[in-house]
Amino acid sequence: MKAEPAGPADPACPGLPSAALGGPVSHALARVARLHRIAAGKLLKGLGLYPGQEFLMMCLWDAGAVRQAELIKAVDLDPSTVTKMLQRLEQTGHVRRRPDPDDRRAVLVEATDDSCALHSDVQRAWTDLEDHTLAGLEPAEREELTRLLAKVEANLCREAGAGAGDCPGPC
């Protein structure tokens, strides 16, 4: 049984697969998330960042020095992934790690003064990404999309078993 394509017949962007007929919105979200990450990756590459590293930096710019364990929880990634990301960011001079003076077993992570220029570059990249992503949508449509995505996020948060305010995600 062959599914009716949802869009143009492009082998690189096929329509709705037959196995996804029961979840067209979930399929669309997965595709949009993948394409959004690719677009973000292109913008971030010019800044010397890999996708995901900007979320770590955003947390650090807003929160200041935080324990590495708290940062891992905030971005909801595997600890080894965060450690590797921090190593790369440390090598490029964007973050600094040091022992926590209150608990020598813990490590504090903070953005460096040198990362301040990166802050405005990331902000500009995210503004460009927003403009590209939402091109053609009217302000009311953008607000409605934001409202609906917040509901979807809340549903997924509940499904993940997180309590109110405990839903994992970037700072």
N, C-alpha and C. Protein backbone atom coordinates (compact mmCIF):
# COMPACT_ATOMS: atom_id res chain seq x y z
N MET A 1 0.84 -1.17 0.00
CA MET A 1 0.00 0.00 0.00
C MET A 1 0.89 1.23 0.00
N LYS A 2 0.73 2.11 -0.95
CA LYS A 2 1.57 3.29 -1.09
C LYS A 2 0.82 4.51 -0.60
N ALA A 3 1.51 5.33 0.21
CA ALA A 3 0.90 6.56 0.75
C ALA A 3 0.91 7.63 -0.32
N GLU A 4 -0.07 8.50 -0.26
CA GLU A 4 -0.14 9.65 -1.16
C GLU A 4 0.89 10.66 -0.69
N PRO A 5 1.76 11.16 -1.56
CA PRO A 5 2.77 12.12 -1.13
C PRO A 5 2.10 13.39 -0.59
N ALA A 6 2.71 13.94 0.47
CA ALA A 6 2.18 15.16 1.08
C ALA A 6 2.68 16.40 0.37
N GLY A 7 3.74 16.28 -0.38
CA GLY A 7 4.34 17.44 -1.05
C GLY A 7 4.81 17.05 -2.43
N PRO A 8 5.70 17.87 -3.00
CA PRO A 8 6.21 17.57 -4.33
C PRO A 8 7.00 16.26 -4.34
N ALA A 9 7.00 15.62 -5.49
CA ALA A 9 7.70 14.34 -5.61
C ALA A 9 9.19 14.59 -5.72
N ASP A 10 9.84 14.77 -4.59
CA ASP A 10 11.28 15.00 -4.51
C ASP A 10 11.86 13.87 -3.70
N PRO A 11 12.76 13.06 -4.27
CA PRO A 11 13.30 11.92 -3.53
C PRO A 11 14.03 12.35 -2.25
N ALA A 12 14.58 13.55 -2.22
CA ALA A 12 15.27 14.01 -1.02
C ALA A 12 14.27 14.43 0.06
N CYS A 13 13.08 14.80 -0.32
CA CYS A 13 12.04 15.22 0.63
C CYS A 13 10.75 14.49 0.30
N PRO A 14 10.69 13.20 0.62
CA PRO A 14 9.49 12.42 0.27
C PRO A 14 8.27 12.87 1.06
N GLY A 15 7.11 12.46 0.57
CA GLY A 15 5.85 12.76 1.27
C GLY A 15 5.72 11.88 2.50
N LEU A 16 4.52 11.78 2.99
CA LEU A 16 4.26 11.02 4.21
C LEU A 16 4.41 9.53 3.95
N PRO A 17 5.34 8.85 4.65
CA PRO A 17 5.49 7.41 4.47
C PRO A 17 4.27 6.67 5.02
N SER A 18 4.00 5.52 4.46
CA SER A 18 2.82 4.77 4.87
C SER A 18 2.83 4.45 6.36
N ALA A 19 4.00 4.18 6.93
CA ALA A 19 4.07 3.85 8.36
C ALA A 19 3.75 5.05 9.24
N ALA A 20 3.79 6.26 8.67
CA ALA A 20 3.52 7.47 9.45
C ALA A 20 2.12 8.01 9.22
N LEU A 21 1.26 7.26 8.51
CA LEU A 21 -0.09 7.75 8.22
C LEU A 21 -0.88 8.06 9.49
N GLY A 22 -0.60 7.37 10.57
CA GLY A 22 -1.30 7.62 11.83
C GLY A 22 -0.72 8.78 12.61
N GLY A 23 0.37 9.37 12.12
CA GLY A 23 1.02 10.46 12.85
C GLY A 23 1.56 11.54 11.93
N PRO A 24 0.71 12.15 11.11
CA PRO A 24 1.23 13.15 10.18
C PRO A 24 1.83 14.38 10.87
N VAL A 25 1.30 14.77 12.01
CA VAL A 25 1.88 15.93 12.71
C VAL A 25 3.23 15.55 13.31
N SER A 26 3.33 14.38 13.90
CA SER A 26 4.60 13.93 14.45
C SER A 26 5.66 13.82 13.36
N HIS A 27 5.26 13.32 12.21
CA HIS A 27 6.18 13.22 11.09
C HIS A 27 6.63 14.61 10.64
N ALA A 28 5.70 15.54 10.55
CA ALA A 28 6.03 16.90 10.15
C ALA A 28 6.97 17.56 11.17
N LEU A 29 6.69 17.35 12.46
CA LEU A 29 7.56 17.93 13.49
C LEU A 29 8.99 17.38 13.39
N ALA A 30 9.11 16.09 13.17
CA ALA A 30 10.43 15.47 13.05
C ALA A 30 11.19 16.05 11.86
N ARG A 31 10.49 16.20 10.73
CA ARG A 31 11.14 16.75 9.54
C ARG A 31 11.53 18.21 9.75
N VAL A 32 10.63 18.99 10.33
CA VAL A 32 10.92 20.40 10.57
C VAL A 32 12.08 20.54 11.55
N ALA A 33 12.10 19.73 12.60
CA ALA A 33 13.18 19.79 13.58
C ALA A 33 14.52 19.46 12.92
N ARG A 34 14.53 18.47 12.06
CA ARG A 34 15.77 18.09 11.36
C ARG A 34 16.24 19.22 10.48
N LEU A 35 15.34 19.79 9.68
CA LEU A 35 15.70 20.87 8.77
C LEU A 35 16.12 22.13 9.53
N HIS A 36 15.46 22.39 10.66
CA HIS A 36 15.81 23.55 11.49
C HIS A 36 17.22 23.39 12.03
N ARG A 37 17.56 22.18 12.47
CA ARG A 37 18.90 21.92 13.00
C ARG A 37 19.95 22.07 11.90
N ILE A 38 19.63 21.64 10.69
CA ILE A 38 20.57 21.80 9.57
C ILE A 38 20.79 23.28 9.28
N ALA A 39 19.69 24.06 9.25
CA ALA A 39 19.80 25.50 8.99
C ALA A 39 20.60 26.18 10.10
N ALA A 40 20.33 25.81 11.35
CA ALA A 40 21.08 26.38 12.48
C ALA A 40 22.56 26.02 12.36
N GLY A 41 22.83 24.78 11.98
CA GLY A 41 24.21 24.34 11.83
C GLY A 41 24.98 25.16 10.81
N LYS A 42 24.33 25.51 9.73
CA LYS A 42 24.98 26.33 8.70
C LYS A 42 25.32 27.71 9.24
N LEU A 43 24.39 28.30 9.98
CA LEU A 43 24.64 29.63 10.54
C LEU A 43 25.72 29.58 11.63
N LEU A 44 25.69 28.54 12.45
CA LEU A 44 26.64 28.44 13.55
C LEU A 44 28.05 28.08 13.08
N LYS A 45 28.13 27.36 11.97
CA LYS A 45 29.43 26.96 11.45
C LYS A 45 30.31 28.18 11.19
N GLY A 46 29.68 29.23 10.68
CA GLY A 46 30.42 30.46 10.43
C GLY A 46 30.95 31.12 11.70
N LEU A 47 30.40 30.72 12.85
CA LEU A 47 30.85 31.26 14.13
C LEU A 47 31.83 30.32 14.83
N GLY A 48 32.10 29.18 14.18
CA GLY A 48 33.00 28.20 14.78
C GLY A 48 32.32 27.34 15.83
N LEU A 49 30.99 27.25 15.77
CA LEU A 49 30.23 26.45 16.72
C LEU A 49 29.55 25.28 16.03
N TYR A 50 29.33 24.23 16.80
CA TYR A 50 28.54 23.10 16.34
C TYR A 50 27.14 23.24 16.93
N PRO A 51 26.10 22.73 16.25
CA PRO A 51 24.76 22.81 16.83
C PRO A 51 24.73 22.20 18.23
N GLY A 52 24.08 22.90 19.13
CA GLY A 52 24.00 22.48 20.51
C GLY A 52 24.93 23.27 21.41
N GLN A 53 26.10 23.64 20.88
CA GLN A 53 27.03 24.41 21.69
C GLN A 53 26.46 25.78 22.03
N GLU A 54 25.64 26.33 21.14
CA GLU A 54 25.07 27.65 21.41
C GLU A 54 24.12 27.59 22.61
N PHE A 55 23.45 26.43 22.82
CA PHE A 55 22.57 26.30 23.98
C PHE A 55 23.38 26.32 25.28
N LEU A 56 24.53 25.65 25.27
CA LEU A 56 25.39 25.70 26.45
C LEU A 56 25.83 27.13 26.72
N MET A 57 26.23 27.82 25.66
CA MET A 57 26.69 29.20 25.83
C MET A 57 25.55 30.10 26.30
N MET A 58 24.35 29.91 25.75
CA MET A 58 23.20 30.72 26.18
C MET A 58 22.96 30.55 27.68
N CYS A 59 23.03 29.31 28.14
CA CYS A 59 22.84 29.05 29.58
C CYS A 59 23.91 29.76 30.40
N LEU A 60 25.14 29.66 29.96
CA LEU A 60 26.23 30.25 30.71
C LEU A 60 26.19 31.78 30.68
N TRP A 61 25.84 32.35 29.55
CA TRP A 61 25.74 33.81 29.47
C TRP A 61 24.66 34.33 30.41
N ASP A 62 23.56 33.60 30.51
CA ASP A 62 22.44 34.05 31.33
C ASP A 62 22.61 33.70 32.81
N ALA A 63 23.22 32.56 33.10
CA ALA A 63 23.28 32.08 34.48
C ALA A 63 24.59 32.42 35.18
N GLY A 64 25.62 32.72 34.42
CA GLY A 64 26.93 32.90 35.04
C GLY A 64 27.54 31.53 35.33
N ALA A 65 28.43 31.49 36.29
CA ALA A 65 29.10 30.23 36.63
C ALA A 65 28.08 29.25 37.24
N VAL A 66 28.05 28.04 36.70
CA VAL A 66 27.17 27.00 37.22
C VAL A 66 27.96 25.70 37.32
N ARG A 67 27.48 24.83 38.19
CA ARG A 67 28.10 23.52 38.28
C ARG A 67 27.85 22.76 36.98
N GLN A 68 28.85 22.00 36.58
CA GLN A 68 28.73 21.24 35.34
C GLN A 68 27.54 20.29 35.41
N ALA A 69 27.28 19.69 36.55
CA ALA A 69 26.14 18.78 36.69
C ALA A 69 24.82 19.51 36.46
N GLU A 70 24.72 20.75 36.93
CA GLU A 70 23.50 21.54 36.72
C GLU A 70 23.34 21.91 35.26
N LEU A 71 24.45 22.22 34.60
CA LEU A 71 24.41 22.54 33.18
C LEU A 71 23.95 21.33 32.37
N ILE A 72 24.44 20.17 32.71
CA ILE A 72 24.04 18.93 32.03
C ILE A 72 22.53 18.72 32.19
N LYS A 73 22.03 18.95 33.39
CA LYS A 73 20.58 18.80 33.63
C LYS A 73 19.79 19.83 32.83
N ALA A 74 20.29 21.05 32.78
CA ALA A 74 19.57 22.13 32.10
C ALA A 74 19.44 21.87 30.60
N VAL A 75 20.48 21.34 29.99
CA VAL A 75 20.42 21.11 28.54
C VAL A 75 19.92 19.71 28.20
N ASP A 76 19.77 18.86 29.23
CA ASP A 76 19.21 17.52 29.07
C ASP A 76 19.92 16.71 27.98
N LEU A 77 21.24 16.67 28.09
CA LEU A 77 22.04 15.86 27.19
C LEU A 77 22.86 14.87 28.00
N ASP A 78 23.37 13.87 27.32
CA ASP A 78 24.22 12.88 27.96
C ASP A 78 25.46 13.59 28.53
N PRO A 79 25.86 13.26 29.75
CA PRO A 79 27.03 13.91 30.35
C PRO A 79 28.28 13.85 29.48
N SER A 80 28.51 12.73 28.80
CA SER A 80 29.71 12.64 27.95
C SER A 80 29.62 13.61 26.77
N THR A 81 28.41 13.84 26.25
CA THR A 81 28.22 14.79 25.15
C THR A 81 28.53 16.20 25.63
N VAL A 82 28.01 16.56 26.81
CA VAL A 82 28.26 17.90 27.36
C VAL A 82 29.75 18.08 27.65
N THR A 83 30.37 17.06 28.20
CA THR A 83 31.80 17.14 28.49
C THR A 83 32.60 17.41 27.22
N LYS A 84 32.29 16.70 26.15
CA LYS A 84 32.98 16.90 24.87
C LYS A 84 32.72 18.31 24.33
N MET A 85 31.48 18.77 24.43
CA MET A 85 31.15 20.12 23.97
C MET A 85 31.93 21.16 24.77
N LEU A 86 32.01 20.95 26.08
CA LEU A 86 32.74 21.90 26.93
C LEU A 86 34.23 21.88 26.63
N GLN A 87 34.77 20.70 26.33
CA GLN A 87 36.19 20.63 25.96
C GLN A 87 36.46 21.46 24.72
N ARG A 88 35.59 21.33 23.71
CA ARG A 88 35.77 22.11 22.48
C ARG A 88 35.63 23.60 22.75
N LEU A 89 34.63 23.97 23.55
CA LEU A 89 34.41 25.39 23.86
C LEU A 89 35.55 25.95 24.71
N GLU A 90 36.13 25.11 25.54
CA GLU A 90 37.27 25.53 26.35
C GLU A 90 38.49 25.75 25.46
N GLN A 91 38.69 24.85 24.49
CA GLN A 91 39.82 24.97 23.57
C GLN A 91 39.74 26.24 22.72
N THR A 92 38.53 26.67 22.43
CA THR A 92 38.36 27.88 21.62
C THR A 92 38.31 29.14 22.49
N GLY A 93 38.42 28.99 23.80
CA GLY A 93 38.47 30.12 24.70
C GLY A 93 37.13 30.70 25.09
N HIS A 94 36.04 29.97 24.83
CA HIS A 94 34.70 30.48 25.13
C HIS A 94 34.22 30.14 26.54
N VAL A 95 34.73 29.06 27.11
CA VAL A 95 34.35 28.69 28.47
C VAL A 95 35.59 28.39 29.31
N ARG A 96 35.38 28.46 30.61
CA ARG A 96 36.43 28.12 31.57
C ARG A 96 35.79 27.19 32.59
N ARG A 97 36.53 26.14 32.96
CA ARG A 97 36.08 25.24 34.02
C ARG A 97 37.07 25.34 35.17
N ARG A 98 36.53 25.31 36.40
CA ARG A 98 37.38 25.39 37.58
C ARG A 98 36.69 24.66 38.73
N PRO A 99 37.45 24.26 39.72
CA PRO A 99 36.84 23.60 40.88
C PRO A 99 35.89 24.56 41.60
N ASP A 100 34.81 24.03 42.11
CA ASP A 100 33.85 24.81 42.89
C ASP A 100 34.47 25.03 44.27
N PRO A 101 34.66 26.28 44.69
CA PRO A 101 35.28 26.52 45.99
C PRO A 101 34.45 25.99 47.17
N ASP A 102 33.14 25.81 46.96
CA ASP A 102 32.28 25.28 48.02
C ASP A 102 32.27 23.76 48.07
N ASP A 103 32.68 23.12 46.98
CA ASP A 103 32.70 21.66 46.91
C ASP A 103 33.75 21.27 45.89
N ARG A 104 34.94 20.93 46.35
CA ARG A 104 36.07 20.66 45.46
C ARG A 104 35.82 19.48 44.51
N ARG A 105 34.79 18.67 44.79
CA ARG A 105 34.48 17.56 43.88
C ARG A 105 33.70 18.04 42.67
N ALA A 106 33.06 19.20 42.80
CA ALA A 106 32.23 19.74 41.72
C ALA A 106 33.06 20.70 40.86
N VAL A 107 32.62 20.84 39.61
CA VAL A 107 33.30 21.72 38.67
C VAL A 107 32.34 22.84 38.28
N LEU A 108 32.84 24.08 38.33
CA LEU A 108 32.08 25.22 37.86
C LEU A 108 32.46 25.51 36.42
N VAL A 109 31.46 25.86 35.63
CA VAL A 109 31.68 26.22 34.23
C VAL A 109 31.16 27.63 34.06
N GLU A 110 31.91 28.45 33.34
CA GLU A 110 31.47 29.82 33.09
C GLU A 110 31.94 30.28 31.72
N ALA A 111 31.19 31.22 31.16
CA ALA A 111 31.58 31.84 29.90
C ALA A 111 32.74 32.78 30.18
N THR A 112 33.67 32.86 29.26
CA THR A 112 34.80 33.77 29.42
C THR A 112 34.43 35.15 28.92
N ASP A 113 35.22 36.12 29.30
CA ASP A 113 35.02 37.48 28.78
C ASP A 113 35.17 37.50 27.27
N ASP A 114 36.05 36.64 26.75
CA ASP A 114 36.27 36.57 25.30
C ASP A 114 35.03 36.08 24.54
N SER A 115 34.12 35.43 25.25
CA SER A 115 32.92 34.91 24.57
C SER A 115 31.86 35.98 24.38
N CYS A 116 32.08 37.18 24.90
CA CYS A 116 31.08 38.26 24.77
C CYS A 116 30.80 38.59 23.31
N ALA A 117 31.83 38.62 22.47
CA ALA A 117 31.63 38.88 21.04
C ALA A 117 30.79 37.77 20.41
N LEU A 118 31.00 36.56 20.87
CA LEU A 118 30.23 35.42 20.36
C LEU A 118 28.75 35.56 20.72
N HIS A 119 28.46 36.16 21.87
CA HIS A 119 27.08 36.35 22.30
C HIS A 119 26.29 37.11 21.25
N SER A 120 26.81 38.23 20.78
CA SER A 120 26.07 39.01 19.78
C SER A 120 26.00 38.28 18.44
N ASP A 121 27.02 37.51 18.12
CA ASP A 121 27.00 36.73 16.87
C ASP A 121 25.94 35.63 16.94
N VAL A 122 25.83 34.96 18.09
CA VAL A 122 24.81 33.91 18.26
C VAL A 122 23.42 34.54 18.23
N GLN A 123 23.28 35.68 18.88
CA GLN A 123 21.99 36.37 18.87
C GLN A 123 21.58 36.73 17.44
N ARG A 124 22.52 37.21 16.66
CA ARG A 124 22.24 37.56 15.25
C ARG A 124 21.91 36.30 14.44
N ALA A 125 22.64 35.21 14.68
CA ALA A 125 22.38 33.96 13.97
C ALA A 125 20.97 33.45 14.28
N TRP A 126 20.56 33.53 15.55
CA TRP A 126 19.22 33.07 15.92
C TRP A 126 18.14 33.98 15.35
N THR A 127 18.43 35.25 15.25
CA THR A 127 17.48 36.16 14.61
C THR A 127 17.34 35.82 13.13
N ASP A 128 18.46 35.56 12.47
CA ASP A 128 18.42 35.16 11.06
C ASP A 128 17.68 33.84 10.89
N LEU A 129 17.94 32.89 11.77
CA LEU A 129 17.27 31.60 11.71
C LEU A 129 15.76 31.77 11.88
N GLU A 130 15.36 32.63 12.81
CA GLU A 130 13.94 32.91 13.02
C GLU A 130 13.31 33.50 11.77
N ASP A 131 14.02 34.46 11.16
CA ASP A 131 13.51 35.11 9.95
C ASP A 131 13.34 34.10 8.81
N HIS A 132 14.34 33.24 8.62
CA HIS A 132 14.26 32.23 7.56
C HIS A 132 13.17 31.20 7.85
N THR A 133 13.10 30.78 9.11
CA THR A 133 12.15 29.75 9.51
C THR A 133 10.71 30.21 9.34
N LEU A 134 10.45 31.45 9.69
CA LEU A 134 9.07 31.95 9.72
C LEU A 134 8.73 32.87 8.56
N ALA A 135 9.58 32.89 7.54
CA ALA A 135 9.32 33.73 6.37
C ALA A 135 7.93 33.42 5.81
N GLY A 136 7.19 34.45 5.50
CA GLY A 136 5.87 34.27 4.92
C GLY A 136 4.74 34.15 5.93
N LEU A 137 5.08 34.04 7.21
CA LEU A 137 4.04 33.98 8.24
C LEU A 137 3.76 35.38 8.76
N GLU A 138 2.50 35.68 8.91
CA GLU A 138 2.08 36.97 9.47
C GLU A 138 2.34 36.97 10.98
N PRO A 139 2.45 38.15 11.60
CA PRO A 139 2.69 38.20 13.05
C PRO A 139 1.68 37.37 13.86
N ALA A 140 0.42 37.41 13.49
CA ALA A 140 -0.59 36.63 14.21
C ALA A 140 -0.35 35.13 14.04
N GLU A 141 0.09 34.72 12.86
CA GLU A 141 0.40 33.30 12.62
C GLU A 141 1.61 32.88 13.44
N ARG A 142 2.60 33.76 13.56
CA ARG A 142 3.78 33.46 14.37
C ARG A 142 3.39 33.28 15.83
N GLU A 143 2.53 34.17 16.33
CA GLU A 143 2.06 34.05 17.72
C GLU A 143 1.29 32.76 17.92
N GLU A 144 0.44 32.42 16.96
CA GLU A 144 -0.36 31.20 17.07
C GLU A 144 0.54 29.96 17.03
N LEU A 145 1.53 29.97 16.15
CA LEU A 145 2.47 28.85 16.08
C LEU A 145 3.22 28.70 17.40
N THR A 146 3.67 29.80 17.97
CA THR A 146 4.36 29.76 19.26
C THR A 146 3.44 29.20 20.34
N ARG A 147 2.19 29.64 20.35
CA ARG A 147 1.22 29.15 21.34
C ARG A 147 0.99 27.65 21.18
N LEU A 148 0.80 27.21 19.95
CA LEU A 148 0.54 25.79 19.71
C LEU A 148 1.75 24.93 20.03
N LEU A 149 2.94 25.39 19.67
CA LEU A 149 4.14 24.63 19.99
C LEU A 149 4.35 24.53 21.50
N ALA A 150 3.98 25.56 22.25
CA ALA A 150 4.07 25.50 23.71
C ALA A 150 3.14 24.41 24.25
N LYS A 151 1.95 24.27 23.66
CA LYS A 151 1.03 23.20 24.09
C LYS A 151 1.62 21.82 23.76
N VAL A 152 2.18 21.70 22.57
CA VAL A 152 2.80 20.43 22.16
C VAL A 152 3.95 20.10 23.11
N GLU A 153 4.77 21.11 23.42
CA GLU A 153 5.88 20.90 24.35
C GLU A 153 5.37 20.44 25.71
N ALA A 154 4.32 21.06 26.21
CA ALA A 154 3.76 20.66 27.51
C ALA A 154 3.26 19.22 27.47
N ASN A 155 2.62 18.82 26.37
CA ASN A 155 2.17 17.43 26.22
C ASN A 155 3.35 16.47 26.26
N LEU A 156 4.39 16.80 25.52
CA LEU A 156 5.56 15.93 25.47
C LEU A 156 6.29 15.90 26.81
N CYS A 157 6.27 17.02 27.49
CA CYS A 157 6.89 17.09 28.81
C CYS A 157 6.17 16.15 29.78
N ARG A 158 4.85 16.20 29.76
CA ARG A 158 4.06 15.30 30.62
C ARG A 158 4.34 13.85 30.24
N GLU A 159 4.39 13.57 28.96
CA GLU A 159 4.65 12.21 28.48
C GLU A 159 6.01 11.72 28.95
N ALA A 160 6.96 12.65 29.04
CA ALA A 160 8.31 12.29 29.48
C ALA A 160 8.36 12.08 30.99
N GLY A 161 7.25 12.42 31.68
CA GLY A 161 7.18 12.20 33.12
C GLY A 161 7.74 13.34 33.94
N ALA A 162 7.99 14.47 33.31
CA ALA A 162 8.51 15.61 34.04
C ALA A 162 7.38 16.37 34.70
N GLY A 163 7.62 16.88 35.88
CA GLY A 163 6.62 17.66 36.58
C GLY A 163 6.59 19.10 36.07
N ALA A 164 5.67 19.87 36.57
CA ALA A 164 5.57 21.27 36.16
C ALA A 164 6.88 21.98 36.46
N GLY A 165 7.41 22.67 35.48
CA GLY A 165 8.65 23.40 35.65
C GLY A 165 9.90 22.54 35.57
N ASP A 166 9.71 21.22 35.48
CA ASP A 166 10.86 20.32 35.43
C ASP A 166 11.12 19.79 34.03
N CYS A 167 10.39 20.30 33.07
CA CYS A 167 10.57 19.79 31.72
C CYS A 167 11.97 20.11 31.26
N PRO A 168 12.70 19.08 30.81
CA PRO A 168 14.07 19.32 30.39
C PRO A 168 14.12 20.22 29.16
N GLY A 169 15.20 20.92 29.05
CA GLY A 169 15.41 21.75 27.89
C GLY A 169 16.40 22.84 28.19
N PRO A 170 16.86 23.48 27.15
CA PRO A 170 17.86 24.53 27.33
C PRO A 170 17.34 25.61 28.27
N CYS A 171 18.26 26.17 29.02
CA CYS A 171 17.94 27.22 29.99
C CYS A 171 16.84 28.06 29.48
